[in-house]
Protein backbone atom coordinates (compact mmCIF):
# COMPACT_ATOMS: atom_id res chain seq x y z
CA UNK A 1 37.26 22.33 104.19
CA UNK A 2 36.31 20.82 100.83
CA UNK A 3 32.68 20.55 99.92
CA UNK A 4 32.82 16.74 100.08
CA UNK A 5 34.25 16.92 103.60
CA UNK A 6 31.52 19.39 104.48
CA UNK A 7 28.91 16.92 103.26
CA UNK A 8 30.61 14.03 105.03
CA UNK A 9 30.44 15.98 108.29
CA UNK A 10 26.66 16.23 108.06
CA UNK A 11 24.40 13.75 109.78
CA UNK A 12 23.93 10.79 107.49
CA UNK A 13 20.44 10.73 106.15
CA UNK A 14 18.74 7.37 106.57
CA UNK A 15 15.86 6.01 104.63
CA UNK A 16 16.39 8.44 101.75
CA UNK A 17 14.06 7.41 98.96
CA UNK A 18 15.06 7.87 95.34
CA UNK A 19 11.99 7.43 93.23
CA UNK A 20 10.78 8.09 89.73
CA UNK A 21 7.16 7.40 90.65
CA UNK A 22 6.00 10.08 93.10
CA UNK A 23 5.82 13.62 91.80
CA UNK A 24 4.18 16.65 93.39
CA UNK A 25 3.10 18.16 90.07
CA UNK A 26 2.92 17.07 86.46
CA UNK A 27 6.25 16.87 84.63
CA UNK A 28 6.94 18.93 81.56
CA UNK A 29 5.43 17.04 78.56
CA UNK A 30 8.04 14.93 76.78
CA UNK A 31 10.54 15.08 79.64
CA UNK A 32 12.11 12.16 81.49
CA UNK A 33 14.74 11.48 84.13
CA UNK A 34 18.18 10.44 82.98
CA UNK A 35 18.07 6.62 82.76
CA UNK A 36 20.94 6.29 85.25
CA UNK A 37 19.83 9.04 87.66
CA UNK A 38 16.32 8.82 89.06
CA UNK A 39 15.09 11.90 90.88
CA UNK A 40 14.39 12.52 94.55
CA UNK A 41 10.79 11.70 95.48
CA UNK A 42 8.41 14.65 95.22
CA UNK A 43 10.35 16.69 92.68
CA UNK A 44 8.96 17.76 89.32
CA UNK A 45 10.66 18.35 85.94
CA UNK A 46 9.99 21.93 84.77
CA UNK A 47 12.65 22.19 82.03
CA UNK A 48 14.23 19.52 79.82
CA UNK A 49 16.69 19.11 76.96
CA UNK A 50 18.30 16.02 75.45
CA UNK A 51 20.77 15.56 72.58
CA UNK A 52 22.58 12.52 71.27
CA UNK A 53 25.69 14.63 70.84
CA UNK A 54 26.27 18.14 72.14
CA UNK A 55 28.63 20.34 74.15
CA UNK A 56 28.18 21.64 77.69
CA UNK A 57 30.23 23.99 79.86
CA UNK A 58 31.25 23.12 83.43
CA UNK A 59 32.98 25.22 86.11
CA UNK A 60 36.41 23.91 87.14
CA UNK A 61 37.68 26.65 89.50
CA UNK A 62 37.35 30.25 90.65
CA UNK A 63 39.77 32.94 91.75
CA UNK A 64 39.18 32.97 95.50
CA UNK A 65 40.13 36.67 95.70
CA UNK A 66 37.47 37.74 93.23
CA UNK A 67 33.76 36.84 93.30
CA UNK A 68 33.03 38.28 89.86
CA UNK A 69 31.52 35.82 87.40
CA UNK A 70 34.56 36.56 85.23
CA UNK A 71 36.74 34.87 87.84
CA UNK A 72 35.48 31.38 87.04
CA UNK A 73 37.30 28.97 84.76
CA UNK A 74 35.39 26.42 82.73
CA UNK A 75 35.79 23.38 80.53
CA UNK A 76 33.63 22.24 77.59
CA UNK A 77 32.70 18.56 77.42
CA UNK A 78 31.07 16.78 74.47
CA UNK A 79 28.87 13.71 74.36
CA UNK A 80 25.29 12.60 74.97
CA UNK A 81 23.73 15.54 76.83
CA UNK A 82 20.78 15.57 79.22
CA UNK A 83 19.74 18.75 81.04
CA UNK A 84 16.96 18.83 83.61
CA UNK A 85 15.52 21.49 85.90
CA UNK A 86 13.60 20.13 88.87
CA UNK A 87 11.24 22.04 91.16
CA UNK A 88 11.58 20.84 94.75
CA UNK A 89 8.72 20.59 97.24
CA UNK A 90 8.59 23.58 99.58
CA UNK A 91 9.87 21.54 102.54
CA UNK A 92 12.83 20.02 100.68
CA UNK A 93 16.31 21.58 100.66
CA UNK A 94 18.82 21.65 97.85
CA UNK A 95 21.46 20.07 100.08
CA UNK A 96 19.16 17.16 100.83
CA UNK A 97 18.63 16.69 97.08
CA UNK A 98 22.34 16.87 96.28
CA UNK A 99 23.05 14.31 99.00
CA UNK A 100 20.50 11.99 97.37
CA UNK A 101 22.03 12.41 93.92
CA UNK A 102 25.54 11.86 95.28
CA UNK A 103 24.46 8.49 96.66
CA UNK A 104 23.33 7.60 93.13
CA UNK A 105 26.61 8.95 91.69
CA UNK A 106 28.58 6.66 94.00
CA UNK A 107 26.56 3.66 92.87
CA UNK A 108 27.11 4.60 89.23
CA UNK A 109 30.91 4.48 89.45
CA UNK A 110 34.05 6.10 90.82
CA UNK A 111 33.35 9.76 91.60
CA UNK A 112 35.94 12.53 91.30
CA UNK A 113 34.90 15.99 92.47
CA UNK A 114 36.31 18.74 90.24
CA UNK A 115 34.79 21.89 91.75
CA UNK A 116 32.12 22.93 94.23
CA UNK A 117 30.91 26.06 95.98
CA UNK A 118 28.10 27.15 98.26
CA UNK A 119 26.64 30.51 99.24
CA UNK A 120 29.35 33.21 99.34
CA UNK A 121 32.07 30.91 98.04
CA UNK A 122 30.26 30.93 94.67
CA UNK A 123 30.74 33.66 92.07
CA UNK A 124 28.20 36.47 92.31
CA UNK A 125 25.08 36.15 90.17
CA UNK A 126 26.05 32.60 89.20
CA UNK A 127 22.46 31.64 88.36
CA UNK A 128 21.75 34.44 85.89
CA UNK A 129 25.22 35.03 84.46
CA UNK A 130 26.23 31.40 83.90
CA UNK A 131 23.78 28.61 84.76
CA UNK A 132 20.72 30.25 83.17
CA UNK A 133 22.28 32.85 80.89
CA UNK A 134 20.36 33.44 77.67
CA UNK A 135 22.54 31.09 75.63
CA UNK A 136 22.14 28.25 78.15
CA UNK A 137 18.36 28.25 78.70
CA UNK A 138 16.41 25.17 77.66
CA UNK A 139 12.70 24.57 76.93
CA UNK A 140 10.47 24.83 80.01
CA UNK A 141 6.79 24.63 80.90
CA UNK A 142 7.23 27.45 83.45
CA UNK A 143 6.43 30.69 81.62
CA UNK A 144 8.58 32.88 83.88
CA UNK A 145 11.48 30.49 84.46
CA UNK A 146 13.66 32.69 82.24
CA UNK A 147 13.42 35.46 84.84
CA UNK A 148 13.95 33.53 88.05
CA UNK A 149 17.63 34.54 88.37
CA UNK A 150 17.38 37.79 86.42
CA UNK A 151 17.84 39.98 89.51
CA UNK A 152 20.36 38.73 92.05
CA UNK A 153 18.10 39.50 95.05
CA UNK A 154 15.51 37.10 93.63
CA UNK A 155 17.54 34.08 94.72
CA UNK A 156 19.82 33.09 97.58
CA UNK A 157 22.02 30.28 98.90
CA UNK A 158 23.46 29.08 95.58
CA UNK A 159 25.07 25.65 95.56
CA UNK A 160 27.16 24.19 92.72
CA UNK A 161 28.89 20.83 92.33
CA UNK A 162 30.75 19.41 89.32
CA UNK A 163 32.44 16.04 89.03
CA UNK A 164 33.46 13.17 86.81
CA UNK A 165 32.18 9.63 87.21
CA UNK A 166 33.83 6.56 85.70
CA UNK A 167 31.73 3.40 85.49
CA UNK A 168 32.64 0.03 83.99
CA UNK A 169 31.01 0.95 80.69
CA UNK A 170 30.99 4.76 80.40
CA UNK A 171 32.23 8.03 81.85
CA UNK A 172 30.07 10.97 82.88
CA UNK A 173 30.49 14.68 83.54
CA UNK A 174 27.76 15.92 85.88
CA UNK A 175 26.94 19.28 87.41
CA UNK A 176 24.35 20.20 90.03
CA UNK A 177 23.19 23.77 90.71
CA UNK A 178 20.46 25.07 92.98
CA UNK A 179 19.30 28.34 94.52
CA UNK A 180 16.28 29.29 96.63
CA UNK A 181 13.76 31.80 95.33
CA UNK A 182 13.87 34.93 97.47
CA UNK A 183 10.74 36.73 96.34
CA UNK A 184 7.12 36.57 97.48
CA UNK A 185 5.54 38.35 94.55
CA UNK A 186 5.50 38.59 90.78
CA UNK A 187 4.75 36.10 88.03
CA UNK A 188 6.91 33.35 89.55
CA UNK A 189 4.58 33.22 92.57
CA UNK A 190 1.50 33.27 90.33
CA UNK A 191 2.73 30.05 88.76
CA UNK A 192 2.97 28.41 92.18
CA UNK A 193 6.62 29.05 93.06
CA UNK A 194 6.63 31.05 96.30
CA UNK A 195 9.50 32.27 98.45
CA UNK A 196 11.76 29.45 99.62
CA UNK A 197 11.02 27.20 96.65
CA UNK A 198 14.14 25.73 95.09
CA UNK A 199 15.01 24.86 91.48
CA UNK A 200 17.72 22.26 90.81
CA UNK A 201 19.64 22.22 87.52
CA UNK A 202 21.21 18.89 86.60
CA UNK A 203 23.47 18.56 83.54
CA UNK A 204 24.85 15.20 82.42
CA UNK A 205 27.31 14.52 79.63
CA UNK A 206 27.77 10.84 78.83
CA UNK A 207 31.08 10.72 77.03
CA UNK A 208 30.99 9.06 73.63
CA UNK A 209 33.30 9.20 70.65
CA UNK A 210 31.49 10.93 67.81
CA UNK A 211 32.41 9.57 64.40
CA UNK A 212 31.21 11.44 61.36
CA UNK A 213 29.82 9.28 58.58
CA UNK A 214 30.64 12.01 56.05
CA UNK A 215 33.30 10.80 53.60
CA UNK A 216 36.70 12.46 53.43
CA UNK A 217 36.92 14.67 50.34
CA UNK A 218 39.71 13.73 47.94
CA UNK A 219 42.36 16.21 46.77
CA UNK A 220 41.01 16.35 43.21
CA UNK A 221 37.54 17.35 44.48
CA UNK A 222 39.07 20.02 46.72
CA UNK A 223 40.90 21.50 43.73
CA UNK A 224 37.82 21.40 41.52
CA UNK A 225 35.49 23.00 44.07
CA UNK A 226 37.91 25.82 44.86
CA UNK A 227 38.45 26.49 41.16
CA UNK A 228 34.71 26.54 40.39
CA UNK A 229 33.18 27.94 43.61
CA UNK A 230 36.09 29.52 45.46
CA UNK A 231 35.57 27.38 48.57
CA UNK A 232 34.85 23.88 49.88
CA UNK A 233 33.47 22.49 53.15
CA UNK A 234 35.56 19.71 54.69
CA UNK A 235 34.77 17.10 57.35
CA UNK A 236 36.78 14.32 58.95
CA UNK A 237 38.86 16.70 61.07
CA UNK A 238 38.48 15.60 64.70
CA UNK A 239 39.50 17.24 67.96
CA UNK A 240 39.76 16.18 71.58
CA UNK A 241 36.71 17.22 73.60
CA UNK A 242 36.62 20.99 74.11
CA UNK A 243 40.18 21.36 72.82
CA UNK A 244 41.97 22.48 69.69
CA UNK A 245 44.30 19.51 69.24
CA UNK A 246 43.65 17.32 66.19
CA UNK A 247 43.28 13.60 66.82
CA UNK A 248 44.98 10.85 64.82
CA UNK A 249 41.67 10.15 63.03
CA UNK A 250 42.15 13.47 61.20
CA UNK A 251 45.16 12.28 59.18
CA UNK A 252 43.23 11.10 56.06
CA UNK A 253 41.51 14.50 55.66
CA UNK A 254 44.74 16.40 56.33
CA UNK A 255 46.53 14.28 53.74
CA UNK A 256 44.00 15.17 51.03
CA UNK A 257 44.16 18.88 51.90
CA UNK A 258 47.95 18.79 51.69
CA UNK A 259 47.80 17.04 48.30
CA UNK A 260 45.48 19.73 46.94
CA UNK A 261 47.71 22.56 48.17
CA UNK A 262 50.87 20.92 46.81
CA UNK A 263 49.23 20.46 43.42
CA UNK A 264 48.89 24.24 43.07
CA UNK A 265 51.73 26.09 44.77
CA UNK A 266 50.18 29.46 43.89
CA UNK A 267 46.98 28.70 45.80
CA UNK A 268 46.48 30.60 49.05
CA UNK A 269 43.51 29.94 51.31
CA UNK A 270 41.61 31.02 54.38
CA UNK A 271 41.14 28.09 56.77
CA UNK A 272 37.74 28.83 58.30
CA UNK A 273 36.50 27.04 61.41
CA UNK A 274 32.75 26.56 62.01
CA UNK A 275 30.81 25.14 64.98
CA UNK A 276 27.24 24.22 65.83
CA UNK A 277 25.13 26.42 68.13
CA UNK A 278 25.82 24.53 71.37
CA UNK A 279 27.66 26.85 73.76
CA UNK A 280 28.13 30.60 73.82
CA UNK A 281 28.83 32.82 70.82
CA UNK A 282 32.20 33.92 72.21
CA UNK A 283 33.44 30.47 73.20
CA UNK A 284 32.47 28.97 69.84
CA UNK A 285 34.20 31.76 67.92
CA UNK A 286 37.39 31.41 69.95
CA UNK A 287 37.42 27.62 69.74
CA UNK A 288 36.81 27.60 65.98
CA UNK A 289 39.73 29.99 65.43
CA UNK A 290 42.06 27.93 67.61
CA UNK A 291 41.09 24.81 65.70
CA UNK A 292 41.72 26.55 62.36
CA UNK A 293 45.20 27.48 63.62
CA UNK A 294 45.78 23.88 64.72
CA UNK A 295 44.96 22.64 61.21
CA UNK A 296 47.39 25.13 59.69
CA UNK A 297 50.11 24.10 62.14
CA UNK A 298 49.60 20.44 61.28
CA UNK A 299 49.68 21.07 57.52
CA UNK A 300 52.88 23.08 57.97
CA UNK A 301 54.69 20.86 60.48
CA UNK A 302 53.63 17.45 59.20
CA UNK A 303 53.07 18.00 55.48
CA UNK A 304 55.48 20.82 54.62
CA UNK A 305 52.89 23.40 53.51
CA UNK A 306 54.13 27.00 53.83
CA UNK A 307 52.15 28.70 56.62
CA UNK A 308 52.09 31.98 54.72
CA UNK A 309 49.70 30.36 52.23
CA UNK A 310 47.08 29.78 54.94
CA UNK A 311 45.17 32.28 57.13
CA UNK A 312 43.05 31.09 60.09
CA UNK A 313 39.56 32.50 60.68
CA UNK A 314 37.07 31.47 63.36
CA UNK A 315 33.42 31.99 62.46
CA UNK A 316 31.96 29.87 65.26
CA UNK A 317 28.18 29.37 65.01
CA UNK A 318 27.49 32.37 62.74
CA UNK A 319 27.25 30.58 59.37
CA UNK A 320 25.33 27.29 59.65
CA UNK A 321 24.62 25.19 56.57
CA UNK A 322 21.88 23.18 58.27
CA UNK A 323 19.52 23.26 61.25
CA UNK A 324 20.99 23.11 64.75
CA UNK A 325 17.85 21.38 66.03
CA UNK A 326 19.05 17.88 65.12
CA UNK A 327 22.35 16.04 65.59
CA UNK A 328 22.57 15.43 61.85
CA UNK A 329 22.29 19.17 61.23
CA UNK A 330 24.79 20.05 63.95
CA UNK A 331 27.27 17.55 62.46
CA UNK A 332 27.06 19.38 59.13
CA UNK A 333 27.60 22.72 60.84
CA UNK A 334 30.77 21.49 62.59
CA UNK A 335 33.11 21.84 59.64
CA UNK A 336 36.20 23.52 58.20
CA UNK A 337 36.08 25.43 54.93
CA UNK A 338 38.94 26.26 52.61
CA UNK A 339 38.25 29.61 50.93
CA UNK A 340 40.40 30.93 48.14
CA UNK A 341 42.35 33.97 49.32
């Protein structure tokens, strides 16, 4: 039975109130509901993050024969990102909250479920190893929220849902995760979160096409910078969301790179891929290397540059040239460098 069928089989809740006005506690300062997705009445925002353009990882499937966290498969989506962690009132269940949100999803547009799991159908330690792993945590006003999934016995009854929503004006990727606290002691309780209390993690990517306003570097400038500095940072190379395939918008930048390489047949270079800090260290490194290889393949197949002159390297997030705290800085960090070999 699919998770949607499981939900459909439940008694239909009537009189469910979605409200952004009644909260049990004070929200985290500076936080706000997603403008298209008001919360369930009584819940409180305890963690919040928003970016005009960022990347987020969603679960798409799991090997049913293996409950290890390594058995999950994921996809990275890019766009306007909002992440929220809600604390539910003690009497409210995660399933009730998901049902509420799904009603809002259906009003937003056409919903397509990609993956869902509950309890033992989820990967083990999903909360600590994926949802709230160190590289995925966001600012929170709960001092001990970083430890709430640290030990697997601290939480129970995990529930995860991921889907795509297509409206008349936009498309969305949304995930919902929840688990009940299973401890009656420690710092979590001191902050008012006793056994049975549930946290809900909501992640929303609103898909937008990011267009860099950084000008394409001409071939003559590429040649000059490599001759004088031994390297040059290049922009204007675009990829499909979470993938390593260049888009058609990349042709002007590729053309200038090819011109520079053809002007000096003795020149050999490292093609070095860089990312911002959104996402894990490993995934960014792997993606940046695949994208460097894609650039080399395009220069070889479409512009006749000998592949032996180019070596791909993926650096990922390890060598930023600007802050990752702003979208402008992250845009500068997402680049390709040609380094003289």
